[in-house]
Amino acid sequence: MPSAILGSMNDAETIPQIPEGPVRTGAHWTIYLPTLVVAITWAAVYFWSEWRDPPLLAIGSIALAIESVVVPLLLIHALARERVLRAGIDGGVLQAVWGFPVRRRLKLGVADVVLAQVRRSYAQRYFGGGALALIERNGKRHLIADLERPEELAAAINETNRRKDAA
Protein backbone atom coordinates (compact mmCIF):
# COMPACT_ATOMS: atom_id res chain seq x y z
CA MET A 1 0.00 0.00 0.00
CA PRO A 2 2.76 2.58 0.75
CA SER A 3 4.12 2.13 -2.77
CA ALA A 4 0.71 3.11 -4.14
CA ILE A 5 0.83 6.32 -2.10
CA LEU A 6 4.38 7.18 -3.15
CA GLY A 7 3.79 6.36 -6.80
CA SER A 8 6.94 5.54 -8.75
CA MET A 9 9.40 6.96 -6.20
CA ASN A 10 12.00 4.53 -4.96
CA ASP A 11 14.47 4.74 -2.07
CA ALA A 12 17.29 5.93 -4.34
CA GLU A 13 15.26 9.02 -5.29
CA THR A 14 14.24 9.97 -1.75
CA ILE A 15 17.29 9.02 0.34
CA PRO A 16 20.61 10.45 -0.85
CA GLN A 17 23.66 8.21 -0.87
CA ILE A 18 26.14 8.82 1.94
CA PRO A 19 29.39 9.97 0.32
CA GLU A 20 32.68 8.45 1.45
CA GLY A 21 35.60 10.70 2.33
CA PRO A 22 35.63 14.48 2.11
CA VAL A 23 32.58 16.19 0.61
CA ARG A 24 32.94 19.51 -1.19
CA THR A 25 30.55 21.61 -3.20
CA GLY A 26 30.40 25.05 -4.75
CA ALA A 27 27.86 27.30 -6.38
CA HIS A 28 25.16 26.04 -8.72
CA TRP A 29 24.55 27.85 -12.01
CA THR A 30 21.08 28.94 -10.81
CA ILE A 31 22.88 31.72 -8.95
CA TYR A 32 22.68 33.57 -12.30
CA LEU A 33 18.92 33.04 -12.78
CA PRO A 34 17.75 36.37 -11.28
CA THR A 35 20.10 38.25 -13.61
CA LEU A 36 18.82 36.29 -16.58
CA VAL A 37 15.18 36.98 -15.67
CA VAL A 38 15.82 40.74 -15.32
CA ALA A 39 17.71 40.86 -18.63
CA ILE A 40 15.01 38.99 -20.56
CA THR A 41 12.17 40.97 -18.97
CA TRP A 42 13.66 44.38 -19.73
CA ALA A 43 14.70 43.31 -23.24
CA ALA A 44 11.07 42.34 -23.87
CA VAL A 45 9.91 45.71 -22.47
CA TYR A 46 12.35 47.52 -24.75
CA PHE A 47 11.23 45.70 -27.89
CA TRP A 48 7.57 46.11 -26.92
CA SER A 49 8.07 49.87 -26.50
CA GLU A 50 9.81 50.13 -29.88
CA TRP A 51 7.14 48.17 -31.75
CA ARG A 52 4.33 50.41 -30.50
CA ASP A 53 2.96 52.98 -32.89
CA PRO A 54 4.12 55.60 -32.00
CA PRO A 55 7.18 54.22 -30.18
CA LEU A 56 7.19 54.72 -26.41
CA LEU A 57 10.57 56.43 -26.18
CA ALA A 58 10.55 57.05 -22.41
CA ILE A 59 9.84 53.40 -21.58
CA GLY A 60 12.41 52.29 -24.14
CA SER A 61 15.01 54.60 -22.59
CA ILE A 62 14.32 53.25 -19.11
CA ALA A 63 14.61 49.67 -20.40
CA LEU A 64 17.93 50.47 -22.10
CA ALA A 65 19.23 52.13 -18.93
CA ILE A 66 18.35 49.05 -16.91
CA GLU A 67 19.91 46.74 -19.51
CA SER A 68 23.11 48.79 -19.64
CA VAL A 69 23.57 49.53 -15.90
CA VAL A 70 21.54 47.22 -13.67
CA VAL A 71 22.00 43.95 -15.56
CA PRO A 72 25.83 44.18 -15.64
CA LEU A 73 25.84 45.02 -11.91
CA LEU A 74 23.64 42.02 -11.17
CA LEU A 75 25.91 39.83 -13.29
CA ILE A 76 29.04 41.04 -11.49
CA HIS A 77 27.37 40.47 -8.12
CA ALA A 78 26.34 36.91 -9.10
CA LEU A 79 29.82 36.19 -10.42
CA ALA A 80 31.42 37.42 -7.18
CA ARG A 81 29.00 35.32 -5.11
CA GLU A 82 29.78 32.27 -7.24
CA ARG A 83 33.53 32.71 -6.82
CA VAL A 84 33.22 32.97 -3.02
CA LEU A 85 30.65 30.25 -2.33
CA ARG A 86 32.03 26.91 -1.20
CA ALA A 87 31.29 24.37 1.49
CA GLY A 88 32.82 21.09 2.51
CA ILE A 89 33.21 18.48 5.20
CA ASP A 90 36.57 16.96 5.93
CA GLY A 91 37.60 15.16 9.08
CA GLY A 92 34.32 15.82 10.87
CA VAL A 93 34.54 19.59 10.37
CA LEU A 94 32.17 21.60 8.20
CA GLN A 95 33.80 24.61 6.58
CA ALA A 96 31.78 27.06 4.53
CA VAL A 97 32.40 30.45 2.96
CA TRP A 98 29.60 32.45 1.38
CA GLY A 99 28.34 35.97 0.85
CA PHE A 100 29.20 39.02 -1.17
CA PRO A 101 29.98 41.85 -0.43
CA VAL A 102 30.07 40.72 3.22
CA ARG A 103 31.86 37.39 3.37
CA ARG A 104 30.73 34.90 5.99
CA ARG A 105 32.83 32.03 7.23
CA LEU A 106 31.68 29.03 9.21
CA LYS A 107 33.88 26.38 10.76
CA LEU A 108 31.81 23.97 12.76
CA GLY A 109 32.27 20.46 14.06
CA VAL A 110 29.72 18.10 12.54
CA ALA A 111 28.87 16.91 16.07
CA ASP A 112 27.73 20.47 16.91
CA VAL A 113 25.01 20.30 14.25
CA VAL A 114 21.64 19.02 15.43
CA LEU A 115 19.97 19.04 12.04
CA ALA A 116 21.01 19.58 8.44
CA GLN A 117 18.28 20.03 5.82
CA VAL A 118 18.14 20.87 2.14
CA ARG A 119 15.82 23.67 1.12
CA ARG A 120 14.90 24.31 -2.48
CA SER A 121 12.98 27.02 -4.25
CA TYR A 122 10.71 26.14 -7.16
CA ALA A 123 13.45 26.97 -9.68
CA GLN A 124 15.99 24.88 -7.76
CA ARG A 125 13.60 21.92 -7.69
CA TYR A 126 13.32 22.20 -11.45
CA PHE A 127 16.94 23.04 -12.37
CA GLY A 128 18.88 21.58 -9.41
CA GLY A 129 20.90 23.04 -6.58
CA GLY A 130 19.55 24.23 -3.26
CA ALA A 131 20.34 25.65 0.15
CA LEU A 132 21.80 23.92 3.19
CA ALA A 133 19.96 24.80 6.41
CA LEU A 134 21.85 24.01 9.62
CA ILE A 135 20.74 24.14 13.24
CA GLU A 136 23.49 24.06 15.87
CA ARG A 137 23.13 22.50 19.33
CA ASN A 138 23.00 26.00 20.85
CA GLY A 139 20.04 26.90 18.60
CA LYS A 140 21.92 29.10 16.12
CA ARG A 141 20.75 28.71 12.53
CA HIS A 142 22.68 29.03 9.27
CA LEU A 143 21.43 29.02 5.68
CA ILE A 144 23.97 28.55 2.89
CA ALA A 145 22.12 29.22 -0.36
CA ASP A 146 22.77 28.31 -4.01
CA LEU A 147 24.91 25.21 -3.43
CA GLU A 148 25.36 22.70 -6.23
CA ARG A 149 25.03 19.54 -4.11
CA PRO A 150 23.62 20.44 -0.68
CA GLU A 151 22.03 17.00 -0.26
CA GLU A 152 25.48 15.38 -0.07
CA LEU A 153 26.53 17.71 2.75
CA ALA A 154 23.26 17.20 4.63
CA ALA A 155 23.46 13.42 4.23
CA ALA A 156 27.07 13.34 5.45
CA ILE A 157 26.29 15.50 8.50
CA ASN A 158 23.14 13.61 9.48
CA GLU A 159 24.71 10.18 8.92
CA THR A 160 27.80 11.10 10.96
CA ASN A 161 25.60 12.27 13.82
CA ARG A 162 23.34 9.21 13.57
CA ARG A 163 26.35 6.89 13.82
CA LYS A 164 27.73 8.87 16.76
CA ASP A 165 24.38 8.75 18.58
CA ALA A 166 23.98 5.01 17.90
CA ALA A 167 27.40 4.21 19.40
C-alpha atoms as a PDB file:
ATOM      1  CA  MET A   1       0.000   0.000   0.000  1.00  0.00           C
ATOM      2  CA  PRO A   2       2.758   2.581   0.746  1.00  0.00           C
ATOM      3  CA  SER A   3       4.123   2.133  -2.773  1.00  0.00           C
ATOM      4  CA  ALA A   4       0.708   3.112  -4.137  1.00  0.00           C
ATOM      5  CA  ILE A   5       0.829   6.319  -2.095  1.00  0.00           C
ATOM      6  CA  LEU A   6       4.376   7.176  -3.152  1.00  0.00           C
ATOM      7  CA  GLY A   7       3.793   6.356  -6.800  1.00  0.00           C
ATOM      8  CA  SER A   8       6.938   5.537  -8.755  1.00  0.00           C
ATOM      9  CA  MET A   9       9.399   6.956  -6.204  1.00  0.00           C
ATOM     10  CA  ASN A  10      11.998   4.531  -4.958  1.00  0.00           C
ATOM     11  CA  ASP A  11      14.473   4.742  -2.066  1.00  0.00           C
ATOM     12  CA  ALA A  12      17.292   5.926  -4.342  1.00  0.00           C
ATOM     13  CA  GLU A  13      15.260   9.015  -5.286  1.00  0.00           C
ATOM     14  CA  THR A  14      14.238   9.971  -1.746  1.00  0.00           C
ATOM     15  CA  ILE A  15      17.286   9.022   0.340  1.00  0.00           C
ATOM     16  CA  PRO A  16      20.611  10.450  -0.851  1.00  0.00           C
ATOM     17  CA  GLN A  17      23.658   8.207  -0.875  1.00  0.00           C
ATOM     18  CA  ILE A  18      26.137   8.817   1.939  1.00  0.00           C
ATOM     19  CA  PRO A  19      29.392   9.973   0.323  1.00  0.00           C
ATOM     20  CA  GLU A  20      32.677   8.446   1.447  1.00  0.00           C
ATOM     21  CA  GLY A  21      35.601  10.701   2.331  1.00  0.00           C
ATOM     22  CA  PRO A  22      35.628  14.481   2.105  1.00  0.00           C
ATOM     23  CA  VAL A  23      32.583  16.186   0.609  1.00  0.00           C
ATOM     24  CA  ARG A  24      32.942  19.511  -1.191  1.00  0.00           C
ATOM     25  CA  THR A  25      30.554  21.613  -3.202  1.00  0.00           C
ATOM     26  CA  GLY A  26      30.403  25.047  -4.745  1.00  0.00           C
ATOM     27  CA  ALA A  27      27.856  27.304  -6.384  1.00  0.00           C
ATOM     28  CA  HIS A  28      25.157  26.036  -8.719  1.00  0.00           C
ATOM     29  CA  TRP A  29      24.549  27.847 -12.014  1.00  0.00           C
ATOM     30  CA  THR A  30      21.085  28.938 -10.813  1.00  0.00           C
ATOM     31  CA  ILE A  31      22.883  31.717  -8.952  1.00  0.00           C
ATOM     32  CA  TYR A  32      22.680  33.565 -12.299  1.00  0.00           C
ATOM     33  CA  LEU A  33      18.921  33.036 -12.781  1.00  0.00           C
ATOM     34  CA  PRO A  34      17.751  36.374 -11.280  1.00  0.00           C
ATOM     35  CA  THR A  35      20.101  38.255 -13.612  1.00  0.00           C
ATOM     36  CA  LEU A  36      18.815  36.293 -16.584  1.00  0.00           C
ATOM     37  CA  VAL A  37      15.182  36.985 -15.671  1.00  0.00           C
ATOM     38  CA  VAL A  38      15.818  40.741 -15.318  1.00  0.00           C
ATOM     39  CA  ALA A  39      17.707  40.865 -18.628  1.00  0.00           C
ATOM     40  CA  ILE A  40      15.011  38.990 -20.557  1.00  0.00           C
ATOM     41  CA  THR A  41      12.166  40.967 -18.974  1.00  0.00           C
ATOM     42  CA  TRP A  42      13.656  44.381 -19.729  1.00  0.00           C
ATOM     43  CA  ALA A  43      14.695  43.310 -23.238  1.00  0.00           C
ATOM     44  CA  ALA A  44      11.070  42.337 -23.868  1.00  0.00           C
ATOM     45  CA  VAL A  45       9.912  45.705 -22.468  1.00  0.00           C
ATOM     46  CA  TYR A  46      12.353  47.523 -24.747  1.00  0.00           C
ATOM     47  CA  PHE A  47      11.228  45.700 -27.888  1.00  0.00           C
ATOM     48  CA  TRP A  48       7.571  46.111 -26.925  1.00  0.00           C
ATOM     49  CA  SER A  49       8.067  49.867 -26.496  1.00  0.00           C
ATOM     50  CA  GLU A  50       9.814  50.126 -29.883  1.00  0.00           C
ATOM     51  CA  TRP A  51       7.135  48.171 -31.747  1.00  0.00           C
ATOM     52  CA  ARG A  52       4.327  50.408 -30.498  1.00  0.00           C
ATOM     53  CA  ASP A  53       2.957  52.983 -32.892  1.00  0.00           C
ATOM     54  CA  PRO A  54       4.117  55.604 -32.003  1.00  0.00           C
ATOM     55  CA  PRO A  55       7.184  54.224 -30.181  1.00  0.00           C
ATOM     56  CA  LEU A  56       7.185  54.724 -26.406  1.00  0.00           C
ATOM     57  CA  LEU A  57      10.567  56.432 -26.178  1.00  0.00           C
ATOM     58  CA  ALA A  58      10.551  57.053 -22.411  1.00  0.00           C
ATOM     59  CA  ILE A  59       9.842  53.400 -21.576  1.00  0.00           C
ATOM     60  CA  GLY A  60      12.415  52.286 -24.143  1.00  0.00           C
ATOM     61  CA  SER A  61      15.012  54.597 -22.593  1.00  0.00           C
ATOM     62  CA  ILE A  62      14.319  53.247 -19.111  1.00  0.00           C
ATOM     63  CA  ALA A  63      14.610  49.674 -20.402  1.00  0.00           C
ATOM     64  CA  LEU A  64      17.930  50.468 -22.100  1.00  0.00           C
ATOM     65  CA  ALA A  65      19.233  52.133 -18.933  1.00  0.00           C
ATOM     66  CA  ILE A  66      18.350  49.046 -16.907  1.00  0.00           C
ATOM     67  CA  GLU A  67      19.912  46.743 -19.513  1.00  0.00           C
ATOM     68  CA  SER A  68      23.111  48.795 -19.641  1.00  0.00           C
ATOM     69  CA  VAL A  69      23.570  49.535 -15.898  1.00  0.00           C
ATOM     70  CA  VAL A  70      21.542  47.220 -13.666  1.00  0.00           C
ATOM     71  CA  VAL A  71      21.998  43.945 -15.560  1.00  0.00           C
ATOM     72  CA  PRO A  72      25.827  44.177 -15.644  1.00  0.00           C
ATOM     73  CA  LEU A  73      25.839  45.022 -11.914  1.00  0.00           C
ATOM     74  CA  LEU A  74      23.639  42.019 -11.166  1.00  0.00           C
ATOM     75  CA  LEU A  75      25.905  39.833 -13.287  1.00  0.00           C
ATOM     76  CA  ILE A  76      29.044  41.044 -11.494  1.00  0.00           C
ATOM     77  CA  HIS A  77      27.370  40.468  -8.124  1.00  0.00           C
ATOM     78  CA  ALA A  78      26.337  36.910  -9.098  1.00  0.00           C
ATOM     79  CA  LEU A  79      29.823  36.188 -10.421  1.00  0.00           C
ATOM     80  CA  ALA A  80      31.416  37.419  -7.183  1.00  0.00           C
ATOM     81  CA  ARG A  81      28.998  35.317  -5.111  1.00  0.00           C
ATOM     82  CA  GLU A  82      29.778  32.269  -7.243  1.00  0.00           C
ATOM     83  CA  ARG A  83      33.527  32.708  -6.821  1.00  0.00           C
ATOM     84  CA  VAL A  84      33.220  32.974  -3.017  1.00  0.00           C
ATOM     85  CA  LEU A  85      30.645  30.251  -2.328  1.00  0.00           C
ATOM     86  CA  ARG A  86      32.030  26.905  -1.205  1.00  0.00           C
ATOM     87  CA  ALA A  87      31.286  24.368   1.489  1.00  0.00           C
ATOM     88  CA  GLY A  88      32.817  21.086   2.511  1.00  0.00           C
ATOM     89  CA  ILE A  89      33.206  18.480   5.197  1.00  0.00           C
ATOM     90  CA  ASP A  90      36.571  16.964   5.931  1.00  0.00           C
ATOM     91  CA  GLY A  91      37.602  15.156   9.080  1.00  0.00           C
ATOM     92  CA  GLY A  92      34.321  15.825  10.870  1.00  0.00           C
ATOM     93  CA  VAL A  93      34.536  19.586  10.372  1.00  0.00           C
ATOM     94  CA  LEU A  94      32.170  21.603   8.197  1.00  0.00           C
ATOM     95  CA  GLN A  95      33.803  24.611   6.582  1.00  0.00           C
ATOM     96  CA  ALA A  96      31.781  27.058   4.527  1.00  0.00           C
ATOM     97  CA  VAL A  97      32.404  30.449   2.963  1.00  0.00           C
ATOM     98  CA  TRP A  98      29.600  32.445   1.383  1.00  0.00           C
ATOM     99  CA  GLY A  99      28.337  35.968   0.855  1.00  0.00           C
ATOM    100  CA  PHE A 100      29.202  39.023  -1.166  1.00  0.00           C
ATOM    101  CA  PRO A 101      29.979  41.846  -0.433  1.00  0.00           C
ATOM    102  CA  VAL A 102      30.075  40.721   3.217  1.00  0.00           C
ATOM    103  CA  ARG A 103      31.863  37.391   3.368  1.00  0.00           C
ATOM    104  CA  ARG A 104      30.732  34.905   5.994  1.00  0.00           C
ATOM    105  CA  ARG A 105      32.833  32.025   7.227  1.00  0.00           C
ATOM    106  CA  LEU A 106      31.678  29.026   9.209  1.00  0.00           C
ATOM    107  CA  LYS A 107      33.878  26.381  10.761  1.00  0.00           C
ATOM    108  CA  LEU A 108      31.813  23.965  12.756  1.00  0.00           C
ATOM    109  CA  GLY A 109      32.266  20.464  14.065  1.00  0.00           C
ATOM    110  CA  VAL A 110      29.724  18.105  12.542  1.00  0.00           C
ATOM    111  CA  ALA A 111      28.869  16.915  16.069  1.00  0.00           C
ATOM    112  CA  ASP A 112      27.728  20.466  16.907  1.00  0.00           C
ATOM    113  CA  VAL A 113      25.006  20.304  14.247  1.00  0.00           C
ATOM    114  CA  VAL A 114      21.635  19.021  15.435  1.00  0.00           C
ATOM    115  CA  LEU A 115      19.968  19.042  12.039  1.00  0.00           C
ATOM    116  CA  ALA A 116      21.011  19.580   8.437  1.00  0.00           C
ATOM    117  CA  GLN A 117      18.278  20.030   5.821  1.00  0.00           C
ATOM    118  CA  VAL A 118      18.145  20.867   2.138  1.00  0.00           C
ATOM    119  CA  ARG A 119      15.815  23.668   1.122  1.00  0.00           C
ATOM    120  CA  ARG A 120      14.905  24.307  -2.482  1.00  0.00           C
ATOM    121  CA  SER A 121      12.980  27.016  -4.249  1.00  0.00           C
ATOM    122  CA  TYR A 122      10.714  26.137  -7.157  1.00  0.00           C
ATOM    123  CA  ALA A 123      13.453  26.969  -9.678  1.00  0.00           C
ATOM    124  CA  GLN A 124      15.990  24.877  -7.757  1.00  0.00           C
ATOM    125  CA  ARG A 125      13.600  21.918  -7.688  1.00  0.00           C
ATOM    126  CA  TYR A 126      13.318  22.204 -11.446  1.00  0.00           C
ATOM    127  CA  PHE A 127      16.940  23.042 -12.374  1.00  0.00           C
ATOM    128  CA  GLY A 128      18.882  21.580  -9.406  1.00  0.00           C
ATOM    129  CA  GLY A 129      20.904  23.042  -6.584  1.00  0.00           C
ATOM    130  CA  GLY A 130      19.551  24.230  -3.258  1.00  0.00           C
ATOM    131  CA  ALA A 131      20.337  25.654   0.153  1.00  0.00           C
ATOM    132  CA  LEU A 132      21.798  23.922   3.186  1.00  0.00           C
ATOM    133  CA  ALA A 133      19.960  24.797   6.410  1.00  0.00           C
ATOM    134  CA  LEU A 134      21.846  24.013   9.623  1.00  0.00           C
ATOM    135  CA  ILE A 135      20.742  24.142  13.244  1.00  0.00           C
ATOM    136  CA  GLU A 136      23.488  24.058  15.870  1.00  0.00           C
ATOM    137  CA  ARG A 137      23.129  22.498  19.328  1.00  0.00           C
ATOM    138  CA  ASN A 138      23.004  26.000  20.850  1.00  0.00           C
ATOM    139  CA  GLY A 139      20.041  26.900  18.597  1.00  0.00           C
ATOM    140  CA  LYS A 140      21.918  29.096  16.121  1.00  0.00           C
ATOM    141  CA  ARG A 141      20.754  28.706  12.530  1.00  0.00           C
ATOM    142  CA  HIS A 142      22.684  29.027   9.265  1.00  0.00           C
ATOM    143  CA  LEU A 143      21.435  29.025   5.676  1.00  0.00           C
ATOM    144  CA  ILE A 144      23.972  28.554   2.886  1.00  0.00           C
ATOM    145  CA  ALA A 145      22.120  29.225  -0.362  1.00  0.00           C
ATOM    146  CA  ASP A 146      22.767  28.307  -4.012  1.00  0.00           C
ATOM    147  CA  LEU A 147      24.908  25.208  -3.431  1.00  0.00           C
ATOM    148  CA  GLU A 148      25.358  22.697  -6.229  1.00  0.00           C
ATOM    149  CA  ARG A 149      25.034  19.535  -4.110  1.00  0.00           C
ATOM    150  CA  PRO A 150      23.620  20.441  -0.677  1.00  0.00           C
ATOM    151  CA  GLU A 151      22.034  17.001  -0.258  1.00  0.00           C
ATOM    152  CA  GLU A 152      25.483  15.383  -0.068  1.00  0.00           C
ATOM    153  CA  LEU A 153      26.529  17.708   2.752  1.00  0.00           C
ATOM    154  CA  ALA A 154      23.261  17.200   4.634  1.00  0.00           C
ATOM    155  CA  ALA A 155      23.458  13.421   4.233  1.00  0.00           C
ATOM    156  CA  ALA A 156      27.071  13.340   5.447  1.00  0.00           C
ATOM    157  CA  ILE A 157      26.291  15.502   8.500  1.00  0.00           C
ATOM    158  CA  ASN A 158      23.139  13.613   9.477  1.00  0.00           C
ATOM    159  CA  GLU A 159      24.714  10.179   8.923  1.00  0.00           C
ATOM    160  CA  THR A 160      27.802  11.098  10.963  1.00  0.00           C
ATOM    161  CA  ASN A 161      25.602  12.271  13.822  1.00  0.00           C
ATOM    162  CA  ARG A 162      23.340   9.210  13.566  1.00  0.00           C
ATOM    163  CA  ARG A 163      26.348   6.889  13.817  1.00  0.00           C
ATOM    164  CA  LYS A 164      27.729   8.869  16.763  1.00  0.00           C
ATOM    165  CA  ASP A 165      24.377   8.746  18.576  1.00  0.00           C
ATOM    166  CA  ALA A 166      23.981   5.015  17.903  1.00  0.00           C
ATOM    167  CA  ALA A 167      27.396   4.211  19.402  1.00  0.00           C
END
